[in-house]
Amino acid sequence: MYCMGEISQLKGLGAASEQQLNAIGVYTKKDLEKIGALEAYIRMKEPHLCFLYALVGALENRSWLDVAHHDKTRLLIELDNLKYPN
C-alpha cells in the first residue's frame, strides 16, 4: 500500500503525481522548488503538458487551469530554451 507524503498535499497534485515525482528524486515541495517545475517535467520524460501546469500551480498554490491560461506561452518558451539552448 502506498503511503502519501508531502507532494500529494500540494494543490493540483495527488498520489499518482507524487509517485512519478518520487521516481525522479522529488519527495518534498522544497525538492520541487530546488529543481523547478520545468526541470522536473523534463526529468519525467515529458508527460502531458497539463502536468507541467500542475507542477507550476503546486509551487504557486494556483490551479493548473489558471497556469495554463495565463502562463502557457512563457512556459513553452522556457521549456524550449532548456531543451535547445542557443
PDB file of N, CA and C in Angstrom:
ATOM      1  N   MET A   1       0.836  -1.182   0.000  1.00  0.00           N
ATOM      2  CA  MET A   1       0.000   0.000   0.000  1.00  0.00           C
ATOM      3  C   MET A   1       0.883   1.248   0.000  1.00  0.00           C
ATOM      4  N   TYR A   2       0.511   2.236  -0.805  1.00  0.00           N
ATOM      5  CA  TYR A   2       1.282   3.453  -0.926  1.00  0.00           C
ATOM      6  C   TYR A   2       0.877   4.442   0.161  1.00  0.00           C
ATOM      7  N   CYS A   3       1.866   5.001   0.834  1.00  0.00           N
ATOM      8  CA  CYS A   3       1.619   5.998   1.878  1.00  0.00           C
ATOM      9  C   CYS A   3       1.896   7.380   1.297  1.00  0.00           C
ATOM     10  N   MET A   4       0.856   8.205   1.233  1.00  0.00           N
ATOM     11  CA  MET A   4       1.005   9.530   0.632  1.00  0.00           C
ATOM     12  C   MET A   4       1.885  10.409   1.505  1.00  0.00           C
ATOM     13  N   GLY A   5       2.647  11.250   0.842  1.00  0.00           N
ATOM     14  CA  GLY A   5       3.554  12.154   1.530  1.00  0.00           C
ATOM     15  C   GLY A   5       3.219  13.605   1.261  1.00  0.00           C
ATOM     16  N   GLU A   6       4.221  14.445   1.363  1.00  0.00           N
ATOM     17  CA  GLU A   6       4.040  15.887   1.257  1.00  0.00           C
ATOM     18  C   GLU A   6       3.594  16.347  -0.126  1.00  0.00           C
ATOM     19  N   ILE A   7       4.150  15.751  -1.176  1.00  0.00           N
ATOM     20  CA  ILE A   7       3.848  16.186  -2.545  1.00  0.00           C
ATOM     21  C   ILE A   7       2.356  16.080  -2.844  1.00  0.00           C
ATOM     22  N   SER A   8       1.740  14.997  -2.429  1.00  0.00           N
ATOM     23  CA  SER A   8       0.323  14.796  -2.745  1.00  0.00           C
ATOM     24  C   SER A   8      -0.586  15.780  -2.011  1.00  0.00           C
ATOM     25  N   GLN A   9      -0.044  16.519  -1.065  1.00  0.00           N
ATOM     26  CA  GLN A   9      -0.822  17.517  -0.349  1.00  0.00           C
ATOM     27  C   GLN A   9      -0.811  18.880  -1.049  1.00  0.00           C
ATOM     28  N   LEU A  10       0.049  19.024  -2.061  1.00  0.00           N
ATOM     29  CA  LEU A  10       0.131  20.288  -2.793  1.00  0.00           C
ATOM     30  C   LEU A  10      -1.060  20.423  -3.731  1.00  0.00           C
ATOM     31  N   LYS A  11      -1.480  21.642  -3.956  1.00  0.00           N
ATOM     32  CA  LYS A  11      -2.625  21.926  -4.815  1.00  0.00           C
ATOM     33  C   LYS A  11      -2.409  21.336  -6.204  1.00  0.00           C
ATOM     34  N   GLY A  12      -3.376  20.556  -6.656  1.00  0.00           N
ATOM     35  CA  GLY A  12      -3.351  20.009  -8.000  1.00  0.00           C
ATOM     36  C   GLY A  12      -2.569  18.726  -8.186  1.00  0.00           C
ATOM     37  N   LEU A  13      -1.916  18.246  -7.137  1.00  0.00           N
ATOM     38  CA  LEU A  13      -1.147  17.001  -7.231  1.00  0.00           C
ATOM     39  C   LEU A  13      -1.759  15.958  -6.319  1.00  0.00           C
ATOM     40  N   GLY A  14      -1.672  14.715  -6.715  1.00  0.00           N
ATOM     41  CA  GLY A  14      -2.208  13.622  -5.914  1.00  0.00           C
ATOM     42  C   GLY A  14      -1.199  12.497  -5.795  1.00  0.00           C
ATOM     43  N   ALA A  15      -1.696  11.332  -5.426  1.00  0.00           N
ATOM     44  CA  ALA A  15      -0.829  10.182  -5.178  1.00  0.00           C
ATOM     45  C   ALA A  15      -0.051   9.760  -6.425  1.00  0.00           C
ATOM     46  N   ALA A  16      -0.694   9.749  -7.586  1.00  0.00           N
ATOM     47  CA  ALA A  16      -0.003   9.338  -8.812  1.00  0.00           C
ATOM     48  C   ALA A  16       1.103  10.330  -9.167  1.00  0.00           C
ATOM     49  N   SER A  17       0.819  11.608  -9.025  1.00  0.00           N
ATOM     50  CA  SER A  17       1.836  12.638  -9.290  1.00  0.00           C
ATOM     51  C   SER A  17       2.997  12.479  -8.323  1.00  0.00           C
ATOM     52  N   GLU A  18       2.666  12.219  -7.080  1.00  0.00           N
ATOM     53  CA  GLU A  18       3.709  12.055  -6.072  1.00  0.00           C
ATOM     54  C   GLU A  18       4.605  10.866  -6.403  1.00  0.00           C
ATOM     55  N   GLN A  19       4.025   9.768  -6.825  1.00  0.00           N
ATOM     56  CA  GLN A  19       4.821   8.592  -7.169  1.00  0.00           C
ATOM     57  C   GLN A  19       5.744   8.896  -8.351  1.00  0.00           C
ATOM     58  N   GLN A  20       5.239   9.613  -9.342  1.00  0.00           N
ATOM     59  CA  GLN A  20       6.064   9.979 -10.503  1.00  0.00           C
ATOM     60  C   GLN A  20       7.211  10.893 -10.078  1.00  0.00           C
ATOM     61  N   LEU A  21       6.920  11.836  -9.219  1.00  0.00           N
ATOM     62  CA  LEU A  21       7.964  12.752  -8.752  1.00  0.00           C
ATOM     63  C   LEU A  21       8.964  12.035  -7.852  1.00  0.00           C
ATOM     64  N   ASN A  22       8.485  11.153  -6.997  1.00  0.00           N
ATOM     65  CA  ASN A  22       9.393  10.377  -6.149  1.00  0.00           C
ATOM     66  C   ASN A  22      10.371   9.570  -6.995  1.00  0.00           C
ATOM     67  N   ALA A  23       9.911   9.079  -8.140  1.00  0.00           N
ATOM     68  CA  ALA A  23      10.753   8.268  -9.022  1.00  0.00           C
ATOM     69  C   ALA A  23      11.937   9.065  -9.576  1.00  0.00           C
ATOM     70  N   ILE A  24      11.828  10.399  -9.591  1.00  0.00           N
ATOM     71  CA  ILE A  24      12.949  11.227 -10.061  1.00  0.00           C
ATOM     72  C   ILE A  24      13.645  11.939  -8.900  1.00  0.00           C
ATOM     73  N   GLY A  25      13.338  11.509  -7.673  1.00  0.00           N
ATOM     74  CA  GLY A  25      14.032  12.050  -6.505  1.00  0.00           C
ATOM     75  C   GLY A  25      13.408  13.275  -5.871  1.00  0.00           C
ATOM     76  N   VAL A  26      12.156  13.558  -6.203  1.00  0.00           N
ATOM     77  CA  VAL A  26      11.450  14.705  -5.622  1.00  0.00           C
ATOM     78  C   VAL A  26      10.460  14.173  -4.598  1.00  0.00           C
ATOM     79  N   TYR A  27      10.702  14.515  -3.315  1.00  0.00           N
ATOM     80  CA  TYR A  27       9.876  14.000  -2.221  1.00  0.00           C
ATOM     81  C   TYR A  27       9.142  15.096  -1.452  1.00  0.00           C
ATOM     82  N   THR A  28       9.600  16.324  -1.591  1.00  0.00           N
ATOM     83  CA  THR A  28       9.019  17.428  -0.833  1.00  0.00           C
ATOM     84  C   THR A  28       8.835  18.644  -1.746  1.00  0.00           C
ATOM     85  N   LYS A  29       8.075  19.619  -1.260  1.00  0.00           N
ATOM     86  CA  LYS A  29       7.917  20.869  -2.004  1.00  0.00           C
ATOM     87  C   LYS A  29       9.275  21.538  -2.170  1.00  0.00           C
ATOM     88  N   LYS A  30      10.097  21.454  -1.143  1.00  0.00           N
ATOM     89  CA  LYS A  30      11.442  22.046  -1.207  1.00  0.00           C
ATOM     90  C   LYS A  30      12.267  21.395  -2.324  1.00  0.00           C
ATOM     91  N   ASP A  31      12.164  20.080  -2.471  1.00  0.00           N
ATOM     92  CA  ASP A  31      12.846  19.383  -3.565  1.00  0.00           C
ATOM     93  C   ASP A  31      12.365  19.911  -4.917  1.00  0.00           C
ATOM     94  N   LEU A  32      11.061  20.086  -5.041  1.00  0.00           N
ATOM     95  CA  LEU A  32      10.485  20.572  -6.290  1.00  0.00           C
ATOM     96  C   LEU A  32      10.904  22.009  -6.562  1.00  0.00           C
ATOM     97  N   GLU A  33      10.921  22.823  -5.527  1.00  0.00           N
ATOM     98  CA  GLU A  33      11.374  24.207  -5.677  1.00  0.00           C
ATOM     99  C   GLU A  33      12.836  24.250  -6.124  1.00  0.00           C
ATOM    100  N   LYS A  34      13.637  23.340  -5.579  1.00  0.00           N
ATOM    101  CA  LYS A  34      15.068  23.330  -5.871  1.00  0.00           C
ATOM    102  C   LYS A  34      15.343  23.045  -7.348  1.00  0.00           C
ATOM    103  N   ILE A  35      14.663  22.068  -7.920  1.00  0.00           N
ATOM    104  CA  ILE A  35      14.920  21.759  -9.332  1.00  0.00           C
ATOM    105  C   ILE A  35      13.996  22.530 -10.266  1.00  0.00           C
ATOM    106  N   GLY A  36      12.868  22.976  -9.765  1.00  0.00           N
ATOM    107  CA  GLY A  36      11.926  23.731 -10.571  1.00  0.00           C
ATOM    108  C   GLY A  36      10.977  22.845 -11.357  1.00  0.00           C
ATOM    109  N   ALA A  37       9.851  23.400 -11.689  1.00  0.00           N
ATOM    110  CA  ALA A  37       8.811  22.648 -12.396  1.00  0.00           C
ATOM    111  C   ALA A  37       9.274  22.200 -13.781  1.00  0.00           C
ATOM    112  N   LEU A  38       9.972  23.069 -14.488  1.00  0.00           N
ATOM    113  CA  LEU A  38      10.407  22.728 -15.845  1.00  0.00           C
ATOM    114  C   LEU A  38      11.408  21.574 -15.845  1.00  0.00           C
ATOM    115  N   GLU A  39      12.373  21.613 -14.944  1.00  0.00           N
ATOM    116  CA  GLU A  39      13.366  20.530 -14.871  1.00  0.00           C
ATOM    117  C   GLU A  39      12.706  19.227 -14.438  1.00  0.00           C
ATOM    118  N   ALA A  40      11.793  19.286 -13.491  1.00  0.00           N
ATOM    119  CA  ALA A  40      11.070  18.078 -13.067  1.00  0.00           C
ATOM    120  C   ALA A  40      10.309  17.493 -14.248  1.00  0.00           C
ATOM    121  N   TYR A  41       9.651  18.347 -15.003  1.00  0.00           N
ATOM    122  CA  TYR A  41       8.897  17.916 -16.181  1.00  0.00           C
ATOM    123  C   TYR A  41       9.810  17.209 -17.186  1.00  0.00           C
ATOM    124  N   ILE A  42      10.962  17.782 -17.446  1.00  0.00           N
ATOM    125  CA  ILE A  42      11.907  17.178 -18.387  1.00  0.00           C
ATOM    126  C   ILE A  42      12.421  15.841 -17.853  1.00  0.00           C
ATOM    127  N   ARG A  43      12.762  15.779 -16.583  1.00  0.00           N
ATOM    128  CA  ARG A  43      13.279  14.533 -15.993  1.00  0.00           C
ATOM    129  C   ARG A  43      12.242  13.418 -16.016  1.00  0.00           C
ATOM    130  N   MET A  44      10.972  13.801 -16.014  1.00  0.00           N
ATOM    131  CA  MET A  44       9.907  12.802 -16.032  1.00  0.00           C
ATOM    132  C   MET A  44       9.615  12.324 -17.447  1.00  0.00           C
ATOM    133  N   LYS A  45      10.494  12.623 -18.376  1.00  0.00           N
ATOM    134  CA  LYS A  45      10.349  12.223 -19.779  1.00  0.00           C
ATOM    135  C   LYS A  45       9.123  12.866 -20.402  1.00  0.00           C
ATOM    136  N   GLU A  46       8.870  14.096 -20.019  1.00  0.00           N
ATOM    137  CA  GLU A  46       7.854  14.944 -20.616  1.00  0.00           C
ATOM    138  C   GLU A  46       6.463  14.322 -20.707  1.00  0.00           C
ATOM    139  N   PRO A  47       5.800  14.229 -19.584  1.00  0.00           N
ATOM    140  CA  PRO A  47       4.397  13.791 -19.615  1.00  0.00           C
ATOM    141  C   PRO A  47       3.542  14.862 -20.286  1.00  0.00           C
ATOM    142  N   HIS A  48       2.265  14.719 -20.258  1.00  0.00           N
ATOM    143  CA  HIS A  48       1.359  15.699 -20.871  1.00  0.00           C
ATOM    144  C   HIS A  48       1.639  17.095 -20.314  1.00  0.00           C
ATOM    145  N   LEU A  49       1.468  18.111 -21.144  1.00  0.00           N
ATOM    146  CA  LEU A  49       1.727  19.489 -20.717  1.00  0.00           C
ATOM    147  C   LEU A  49       0.893  19.897 -19.503  1.00  0.00           C
ATOM    148  N   CYS A  50      -0.266  19.313 -19.337  1.00  0.00           N
ATOM    149  CA  CYS A  50      -1.091  19.628 -18.161  1.00  0.00           C
ATOM    150  C   CYS A  50      -0.329  19.349 -16.876  1.00  0.00           C
ATOM    151  N   PHE A  51       0.558  18.356 -16.918  1.00  0.00           N
ATOM    152  CA  PHE A  51       1.336  18.052 -15.715  1.00  0.00           C
ATOM    153  C   PHE A  51       2.333  19.165 -15.419  1.00  0.00           C
ATOM    154  N   LEU A  52       2.903  19.758 -16.448  1.00  0.00           N
ATOM    155  CA  LEU A  52       3.787  20.907 -16.247  1.00  0.00           C
ATOM    156  C   LEU A  52       3.008  22.041 -15.584  1.00  0.00           C
ATOM    157  N   TYR A  53       1.806  22.302 -16.072  1.00  0.00           N
ATOM    158  CA  TYR A  53       0.980  23.362 -15.483  1.00  0.00           C
ATOM    159  C   TYR A  53       0.630  23.030 -14.033  1.00  0.00           C
ATOM    160  N   ALA A  54       0.400  21.756 -13.748  1.00  0.00           N
ATOM    161  CA  ALA A  54       0.091  21.337 -12.375  1.00  0.00           C
ATOM    162  C   ALA A  54       1.302  21.529 -11.462  1.00  0.00           C
ATOM    163  N   LEU A  55       2.497  21.248 -11.968  1.00  0.00           N
ATOM    164  CA  LEU A  55       3.710  21.437 -11.167  1.00  0.00           C
ATOM    165  C   LEU A  55       3.903  22.907 -10.820  1.00  0.00           C
ATOM    166  N   VAL A  56       3.730  23.776 -11.806  1.00  0.00           N
ATOM    167  CA  VAL A  56       3.850  25.214 -11.559  1.00  0.00           C
ATOM    168  C   VAL A  56       2.763  25.654 -10.588  1.00  0.00           C
ATOM    169  N   GLY A  57       1.551  25.190 -10.808  1.00  0.00           N
ATOM    170  CA  GLY A  57       0.446  25.529  -9.923  1.00  0.00           C
ATOM    171  C   GLY A  57       0.687  25.078  -8.490  1.00  0.00           C
ATOM    172  N   ALA A  58       1.253  23.891  -8.333  1.00  0.00           N
ATOM    173  CA  ALA A  58       1.542  23.374  -6.994  1.00  0.00           C
ATOM    174  C   ALA A  58       2.548  24.268  -6.278  1.00  0.00           C
ATOM    175  N   LEU A  59       3.549  24.727  -6.994  1.00  0.00           N
ATOM    176  CA  LEU A  59       4.558  25.592  -6.383  1.00  0.00           C
ATOM    177  C   LEU A  59       4.001  26.974  -6.052  1.00  0.00           C
ATOM    178  N   GLU A  60       3.035  27.426  -6.836  1.00  0.00           N
ATOM    179  CA  GLU A  60       2.496  28.775  -6.651  1.00  0.00           C
ATOM    180  C   GLU A  60       1.114  28.774  -5.999  1.00  0.00           C
ATOM    181  N   ASN A  61       0.634  27.596  -5.586  1.00  0.00           N
ATOM    182  CA  ASN A  61      -0.688  27.441  -4.965  1.00  0.00           C
ATOM    183  C   ASN A  61      -1.790  28.002  -5.874  1.00  0.00           C
ATOM    184  N   ARG A  62      -1.715  27.613  -7.148  1.00  0.00           N
ATOM    185  CA  ARG A  62      -2.691  28.032  -8.149  1.00  0.00           C
ATOM    186  C   ARG A  62      -3.245  26.811  -8.869  1.00  0.00           C
ATOM    187  N   SER A  63      -4.383  26.958  -9.469  1.00  0.00           N
ATOM    188  CA  SER A  63      -4.963  25.906 -10.290  1.00  0.00           C
ATOM    189  C   SER A  63      -4.135  25.720 -11.555  1.00  0.00           C
ATOM    190  N   TRP A  64      -4.010  24.477 -11.996  1.00  0.00           N
ATOM    191  CA  TRP A  64      -3.283  24.218 -13.236  1.00  0.00           C
ATOM    192  C   TRP A  64      -3.976  24.905 -14.411  1.00  0.00           C
ATOM    193  N   LEU A  65      -5.294  25.038 -14.326  1.00  0.00           N
ATOM    194  CA  LEU A  65      -6.022  25.725 -15.398  1.00  0.00           C
ATOM    195  C   LEU A  65      -5.645  27.202 -15.471  1.00  0.00           C
ATOM    196  N   ASP A  66      -5.470  27.825 -14.312  1.00  0.00           N
ATOM    197  CA  ASP A  66      -5.051  29.219 -14.261  1.00  0.00           C
ATOM    198  C   ASP A  66      -3.650  29.369 -14.863  1.00  0.00           C
ATOM    199  N   VAL A  67      -2.775  28.448 -14.517  1.00  0.00           N
ATOM    200  CA  VAL A  67      -1.412  28.466 -15.065  1.00  0.00           C
ATOM    201  C   VAL A  67      -1.467  28.285 -16.577  1.00  0.00           C
ATOM    202  N   ALA A  68      -2.245  27.314 -17.048  1.00  0.00           N
ATOM    203  CA  ALA A  68      -2.354  27.061 -18.480  1.00  0.00           C
ATOM    204  C   ALA A  68      -2.885  28.288 -19.214  1.00  0.00           C
ATOM    205  N   HIS A  69      -3.838  28.954 -18.615  1.00  0.00           N
ATOM    206  CA  HIS A  69      -4.452  30.117 -19.253  1.00  0.00           C
ATOM    207  C   HIS A  69      -3.524  31.331 -19.281  1.00  0.00           C
ATOM    208  N   HIS A  70      -2.801  31.567 -18.197  1.00  0.00           N
ATOM    209  CA  HIS A  70      -2.010  32.784 -18.079  1.00  0.00           C
ATOM    210  C   HIS A  70      -0.512  32.634 -18.375  1.00  0.00           C
ATOM    211  N   ASP A  71       0.009  31.426 -18.271  1.00  0.00           N
ATOM    212  CA  ASP A  71       1.470  31.246 -18.346  1.00  0.00           C
ATOM    213  C   ASP A  71       1.927  30.274 -19.427  1.00  0.00           C
ATOM    214  N   LYS A  72       1.005  29.768 -20.218  1.00  0.00           N
ATOM    215  CA  LYS A  72       1.322  28.729 -21.196  1.00  0.00           C
ATOM    216  C   LYS A  72       2.454  29.148 -22.146  1.00  0.00           C
ATOM    217  N   THR A  73       2.324  30.296 -22.765  1.00  0.00           N
ATOM    218  CA  THR A  73       3.324  30.734 -23.747  1.00  0.00           C
ATOM    219  C   THR A  73       4.695  30.877 -23.100  1.00  0.00           C
ATOM    220  N   ARG A  74       4.748  31.526 -21.954  1.00  0.00           N
ATOM    221  CA  ARG A  74       6.027  31.713 -21.256  1.00  0.00           C
ATOM    222  C   ARG A  74       6.657  30.375 -20.912  1.00  0.00           C
ATOM    223  N   LEU A  75       5.861  29.443 -20.404  1.00  0.00           N
ATOM    224  CA  LEU A  75       6.396  28.137 -20.010  1.00  0.00           C
ATOM    225  C   LEU A  75       6.896  27.352 -21.217  1.00  0.00           C
ATOM    226  N   LEU A  76       6.176  27.415 -22.314  1.00  0.00           N
ATOM    227  CA  LEU A  76       6.615  26.701 -23.514  1.00  0.00           C
ATOM    228  C   LEU A  76       7.922  27.272 -24.055  1.00  0.00           C
ATOM    229  N   ILE A  77       8.075  28.586 -23.992  1.00  0.00           N
ATOM    230  CA  ILE A  77       9.324  29.216 -24.430  1.00  0.00           C
ATOM    231  C   ILE A  77      10.467  28.804 -23.501  1.00  0.00           C
ATOM    232  N   GLU A  78      10.230  28.842 -22.189  1.00  0.00           N
ATOM    233  CA  GLU A  78      11.269  28.444 -21.226  1.00  0.00           C
ATOM    234  C   GLU A  78      11.636  26.982 -21.397  1.00  0.00           C
ATOM    235  N   LEU A  79      10.642  26.138 -21.627  1.00  0.00           N
ATOM    236  CA  LEU A  79      10.890  24.719 -21.833  1.00  0.00           C
ATOM    237  C   LEU A  79      11.727  24.500 -23.090  1.00  0.00           C
ATOM    238  N   ASP A  80      11.377  25.180 -24.151  1.00  0.00           N
ATOM    239  CA  ASP A  80      12.134  25.075 -25.401  1.00  0.00           C
ATOM    240  C   ASP A  80      13.575  25.538 -25.210  1.00  0.00           C
ATOM    241  N   ASN A  81      13.767  26.637 -24.454  1.00  0.00           N
ATOM    242  CA  ASN A  81      15.118  27.137 -24.189  1.00  0.00           C
ATOM    243  C   ASN A  81      15.942  26.169 -23.364  1.00  0.00           C
ATOM    244  N   LEU A  82      15.312  25.460 -22.441  1.00  0.00           N
ATOM    245  CA  LEU A  82      16.037  24.459 -21.641  1.00  0.00           C
ATOM    246  C   LEU A  82      16.433  23.260 -22.491  1.00  0.00           C
ATOM    247  N   LYS A  83      15.539  22.839 -23.353  1.00  0.00           N
ATOM    248  CA  LYS A  83      15.796  21.649 -24.172  1.00  0.00           C
ATOM    249  C   LYS A  83      16.764  21.941 -25.306  1.00  0.00           C
ATOM    250  N   TYR A  84      16.704  23.153 -25.845  1.00  0.00           N
ATOM    251  CA  TYR A  84      17.520  23.504 -27.008  1.00  0.00           C
ATOM    252  C   TYR A  84      18.214  24.855 -26.769  1.00  0.00           C
ATOM    253  N   PRO A  85      19.189  24.880 -25.868  1.00  0.00           N
ATOM    254  CA  PRO A  85      19.873  26.154 -25.587  1.00  0.00           C
ATOM    255  C   PRO A  85      20.628  26.661 -26.811  1.00  0.00           C
ATOM    256  N   ASN A  86      20.771  27.961 -26.894  1.00  0.00           N
ATOM    257  CA  ASN A  86      21.462  28.575 -28.056  1.00  0.00           C
ATOM    258  C   ASN A  86      22.884  28.155 -28.113  1.00  0.00           C
TER     259      ASN A  86
END
